[in-house]
PDB file of N, CA and C in Angstrom:
ATOM      1  N   MET A   1       0.851  -1.161   0.001  1.00  0.00           N
ATOM      2  CA  MET A   1       0.004   0.001   0.002  1.00  0.00           C
ATOM      3  C   MET A   1       0.900   1.227   0.006  1.00  0.00           C
ATOM      4  N   LEU A   2       0.546   2.202  -0.802  1.00  0.00           N
ATOM      5  CA  LEU A   2       1.338   3.434  -0.921  1.00  0.00           C
ATOM      6  C   LEU A   2       0.417   4.612  -0.627  1.00  0.00           C
ATOM      7  N   GLY A   3       0.747   5.367   0.426  1.00  0.00           N
ATOM      8  CA  GLY A   3      -0.089   6.493   0.811  1.00  0.00           C
ATOM      9  C   GLY A   3       0.038   7.663  -0.147  1.00  0.00           C
ATOM     10  N   CYS A   4      -0.953   8.526  -0.124  1.00  0.00           N
ATOM     11  CA  CYS A   4      -1.041   9.699  -0.986  1.00  0.00           C
ATOM     12  C   CYS A   4       0.184  10.610  -0.769  1.00  0.00           C
ATOM     13  N   GLY A   5       0.822  11.020  -1.848  1.00  0.00           N
ATOM     14  CA  GLY A   5       1.945  11.965  -1.777  1.00  0.00           C
ATOM     15  C   GLY A   5       3.266  11.349  -1.370  1.00  0.00           C
ATOM     16  N   ALA A   6       3.327  10.041  -1.185  1.00  0.00           N
ATOM     17  CA  ALA A   6       4.593   9.403  -0.824  1.00  0.00           C
ATOM     18  C   ALA A   6       5.557   9.460  -2.004  1.00  0.00           C
ATOM     19  N   LYS A   7       6.843   9.588  -1.711  1.00  0.00           N
ATOM     20  CA  LYS A   7       7.873   9.663  -2.742  1.00  0.00           C
ATOM     21  C   LYS A   7       8.860   8.506  -2.556  1.00  0.00           C
ATOM     22  N   ILE A   8       9.172   7.824  -3.640  1.00  0.00           N
ATOM     23  CA  ILE A   8      10.160   6.744  -3.609  1.00  0.00           C
ATOM     24  C   ILE A   8      11.300   7.199  -4.518  1.00  0.00           C
ATOM     25  N   LEU A   9      12.475   7.452  -3.917  1.00  0.00           N
ATOM     26  CA  LEU A   9      13.597   8.025  -4.653  1.00  0.00           C
ATOM     27  C   LEU A   9      14.727   7.014  -4.793  1.00  0.00           C
ATOM     28  N   GLY A  10      15.125   6.751  -6.001  1.00  0.00           N
ATOM     29  CA  GLY A  10      16.254   5.882  -6.250  1.00  0.00           C
ATOM     30  C   GLY A  10      15.860   4.483  -6.642  1.00  0.00           C
ATOM     31  N   PRO A  11      16.860   3.700  -7.059  1.00  0.00           N
ATOM     32  CA  PRO A  11      16.614   2.301  -7.460  1.00  0.00           C
ATOM     33  C   PRO A  11      16.572   1.391  -6.238  1.00  0.00           C
ATOM     34  N   ILE A  12      15.412   1.235  -5.646  1.00  0.00           N
ATOM     35  CA  ILE A  12      15.271   0.452  -4.411  1.00  0.00           C
ATOM     36  C   ILE A  12      14.227  -0.642  -4.610  1.00  0.00           C
ATOM     37  N   ARG A  13      14.183  -1.563  -3.646  1.00  0.00           N
ATOM     38  CA  ARG A  13      13.196  -2.661  -3.661  1.00  0.00           C
ATOM     39  C   ARG A  13      12.249  -2.496  -2.486  1.00  0.00           C
ATOM     40  N   ILE A  14      10.972  -2.751  -2.752  1.00  0.00           N
ATOM     41  CA  ILE A  14       9.939  -2.712  -1.723  1.00  0.00           C
ATOM     42  C   ILE A  14       9.440  -4.146  -1.565  1.00  0.00           C
ATOM     43  N   GLY A  15       9.521  -4.684  -0.340  1.00  0.00           N
ATOM     44  CA  GLY A  15       9.111  -6.064  -0.079  1.00  0.00           C
ATOM     45  C   GLY A  15       7.586  -6.240  -0.111  1.00  0.00           C
ATOM     46  N   ASP A  16       7.169  -7.491   0.047  1.00  0.00           N
ATOM     47  CA  ASP A  16       5.739  -7.819   0.069  1.00  0.00           C
ATOM     48  C   ASP A  16       5.107  -7.338   1.374  1.00  0.00           C
ATOM     49  N   ASP A  17       3.824  -6.985   1.308  1.00  0.00           N
ATOM     50  CA  ASP A  17       3.021  -6.597   2.470  1.00  0.00           C
ATOM     51  C   ASP A  17       3.618  -5.386   3.194  1.00  0.00           C
ATOM     52  N   VAL A  18       4.068  -4.377   2.439  1.00  0.00           N
ATOM     53  CA  VAL A  18       4.632  -3.150   3.012  1.00  0.00           C
ATOM     54  C   VAL A  18       3.593  -2.055   2.920  1.00  0.00           C
ATOM     55  N   LYS A  19       3.497  -1.241   3.991  1.00  0.00           N
ATOM     56  CA  LYS A  19       2.607  -0.077   3.999  1.00  0.00           C
ATOM     57  C   LYS A  19       3.481   1.161   4.133  1.00  0.00           C
ATOM     58  N   ILE A  20       3.317   2.097   3.196  1.00  0.00           N
ATOM     59  CA  ILE A  20       4.076   3.339   3.208  1.00  0.00           C
ATOM     60  C   ILE A  20       3.091   4.468   3.454  1.00  0.00           C
ATOM     61  N   GLY A  21       3.329   5.236   4.521  1.00  0.00           N
ATOM     62  CA  GLY A  21       2.404   6.283   4.932  1.00  0.00           C
ATOM     63  C   GLY A  21       2.377   7.469   3.985  1.00  0.00           C
ATOM     64  N   ALA A  22       1.284   8.239   4.058  1.00  0.00           N
ATOM     65  CA  ALA A  22       1.117   9.423   3.227  1.00  0.00           C
ATOM     66  C   ALA A  22       2.233  10.426   3.494  1.00  0.00           C
ATOM     67  N   GLY A  23       2.831  10.961   2.436  1.00  0.00           N
ATOM     68  CA  GLY A  23       3.858  11.974   2.569  1.00  0.00           C
ATOM     69  C   GLY A  23       5.236  11.436   2.915  1.00  0.00           C
ATOM     70  N   ALA A  24       5.389  10.137   3.057  1.00  0.00           N
ATOM     71  CA  ALA A  24       6.698   9.561   3.398  1.00  0.00           C
ATOM     72  C   ALA A  24       7.661   9.720   2.221  1.00  0.00           C
ATOM     73  N   VAL A  25       8.952   9.821   2.534  1.00  0.00           N
ATOM     74  CA  VAL A  25      10.000   9.876   1.520  1.00  0.00           C
ATOM     75  C   VAL A  25      10.897   8.665   1.742  1.00  0.00           C
ATOM     76  N   ILE A  26      10.888   7.743   0.791  1.00  0.00           N
ATOM     77  CA  ILE A  26      11.620   6.487   0.924  1.00  0.00           C
ATOM     78  C   ILE A  26      12.959   6.604   0.192  1.00  0.00           C
ATOM     79  N   LEU A  27      14.068   6.388   0.919  1.00  0.00           N
ATOM     80  CA  LEU A  27      15.401   6.556   0.359  1.00  0.00           C
ATOM     81  C   LEU A  27      16.190   5.260   0.312  1.00  0.00           C
ATOM     82  N   LYS A  28      15.691   4.185   0.947  1.00  0.00           N
ATOM     83  CA  LYS A  28      16.398   2.905   0.921  1.00  0.00           C
ATOM     84  C   LYS A  28      15.397   1.758   0.830  1.00  0.00           C
ATOM     85  N   SER A  29      15.893   0.579   0.502  1.00  0.00           N
ATOM     86  CA  SER A  29      15.042  -0.599   0.333  1.00  0.00           C
ATOM     87  C   SER A  29      14.332  -0.953   1.630  1.00  0.00           C
ATOM     88  N   ILE A  30      13.160  -1.575   1.484  1.00  0.00           N
ATOM     89  CA  ILE A  30      12.339  -1.956   2.625  1.00  0.00           C
ATOM     90  C   ILE A  30      12.065  -3.456   2.554  1.00  0.00           C
ATOM     91  N   GLY A  31      12.266  -4.129   3.670  1.00  0.00           N
ATOM     92  CA  GLY A  31      12.014  -5.574   3.735  1.00  0.00           C
ATOM     93  C   GLY A  31      10.527  -5.889   3.741  1.00  0.00           C
ATOM     94  N   GLN A  32      10.208  -7.151   3.932  1.00  0.00           N
ATOM     95  CA  GLN A  32       8.812  -7.599   3.927  1.00  0.00           C
ATOM     96  C   GLN A  32       8.089  -7.254   5.218  1.00  0.00           C
ATOM     97  N   ARG A  33       6.770  -7.085   5.102  1.00  0.00           N
ATOM     98  CA  ARG A  33       5.871  -6.862   6.240  1.00  0.00           C
ATOM     99  C   ARG A  33       6.330  -5.716   7.154  1.00  0.00           C
ATOM    100  N   LYS A  34       6.534  -4.543   6.589  1.00  0.00           N
ATOM    101  CA  LYS A  34       6.954  -3.362   7.347  1.00  0.00           C
ATOM    102  C   LYS A  34       5.934  -2.257   7.179  1.00  0.00           C
ATOM    103  N   VAL A  35       5.940  -1.315   8.135  1.00  0.00           N
ATOM    104  CA  VAL A  35       5.171  -0.074   8.040  1.00  0.00           C
ATOM    105  C   VAL A  35       6.200   1.049   8.115  1.00  0.00           C
ATOM    106  N   VAL A  36       6.185   1.936   7.111  1.00  0.00           N
ATOM    107  CA  VAL A  36       7.180   2.996   7.014  1.00  0.00           C
ATOM    108  C   VAL A  36       6.474   4.348   6.926  1.00  0.00           C
ATOM    109  N   VAL A  37       6.913   5.301   7.742  1.00  0.00           N
ATOM    110  CA  VAL A  37       6.334   6.649   7.746  1.00  0.00           C
ATOM    111  C   VAL A  37       7.450   7.668   7.931  1.00  0.00           C
ATOM    112  N   GLY A  38       7.167   8.919   7.600  1.00  0.00           N
ATOM    113  CA  GLY A  38       8.064  10.029   7.904  1.00  0.00           C
ATOM    114  C   GLY A  38       8.988  10.428   6.773  1.00  0.00           C
ATOM    115  N   VAL A  39       9.745  11.521   7.077  1.00  0.00           N
ATOM    116  CA  VAL A  39      10.735  12.065   6.152  1.00  0.00           C
ATOM    117  C   VAL A  39      12.050  12.150   6.909  1.00  0.00           C
ATOM    118  N   PRO A  40      13.053  11.382   6.606  1.00  0.00           N
ATOM    119  CA  PRO A  40      13.031  10.260   5.662  1.00  0.00           C
ATOM    120  C   PRO A  40      12.236   9.084   6.265  1.00  0.00           C
ATOM    121  N   GLY A  41      11.852   8.140   5.437  1.00  0.00           N
ATOM    122  CA  GLY A  41      11.045   7.007   5.867  1.00  0.00           C
ATOM    123  C   GLY A  41      11.719   6.187   6.967  1.00  0.00           C
ATOM    124  N   ARG A  42      10.958   5.914   8.031  1.00  0.00           N
ATOM    125  CA  ARG A  42      11.454   5.093   9.145  1.00  0.00           C
ATOM    126  C   ARG A  42      10.450   3.985   9.410  1.00  0.00           C
ATOM    127  N   GLU A  43      10.969   2.802   9.745  1.00  0.00           N
ATOM    128  CA  GLU A  43      10.101   1.676  10.073  1.00  0.00           C
ATOM    129  C   GLU A  43       9.513   1.906  11.465  1.00  0.00           C
ATOM    130  N   ILE A  44       8.238   1.584  11.621  1.00  0.00           N
ATOM    131  CA  ILE A  44       7.632   1.656  12.930  1.00  0.00           C
ATOM    132  C   ILE A  44       7.202   0.250  13.331  1.00  0.00           C
ATOM    133  N   VAL A  45       7.034   0.030  14.627  1.00  0.00           N
ATOM    134  CA  VAL A  45       6.669  -1.277  15.159  1.00  0.00           C
ATOM    135  C   VAL A  45       5.156  -1.391  15.200  1.00  0.00           C
ATOM    136  N   LYS A  46       4.622  -2.469  14.638  1.00  0.00           N
ATOM    137  CA  LYS A  46       3.184  -2.718  14.707  1.00  0.00           C
ATOM    138  C   LYS A  46       2.844  -3.218  16.110  1.00  0.00           C
ATOM    139  N   SER A  47       1.750  -2.727  16.665  1.00  0.00           N
ATOM    140  CA  SER A  47       1.319  -3.178  17.990  1.00  0.00           C
ATOM    141  C   SER A  47       0.264  -4.232  17.871  1.00  0.00           C
TER     142      SER A  47
END
C-alpha cells in the first residue's frame, strides 16, 4: 500500500506486504511486512 503523496527516490526494492504512509520519503530498500512513515522514511513497530 502506498499512501497519498509518498515519494520513492532511487533504485530500491519494496518487499511484500509493506505499507508506506502518506507523505513519506523512501530513500532505501524496505524488507517484507513493514510499516514505514516520515521524512526520511522510518520503520515503525506494529502493535
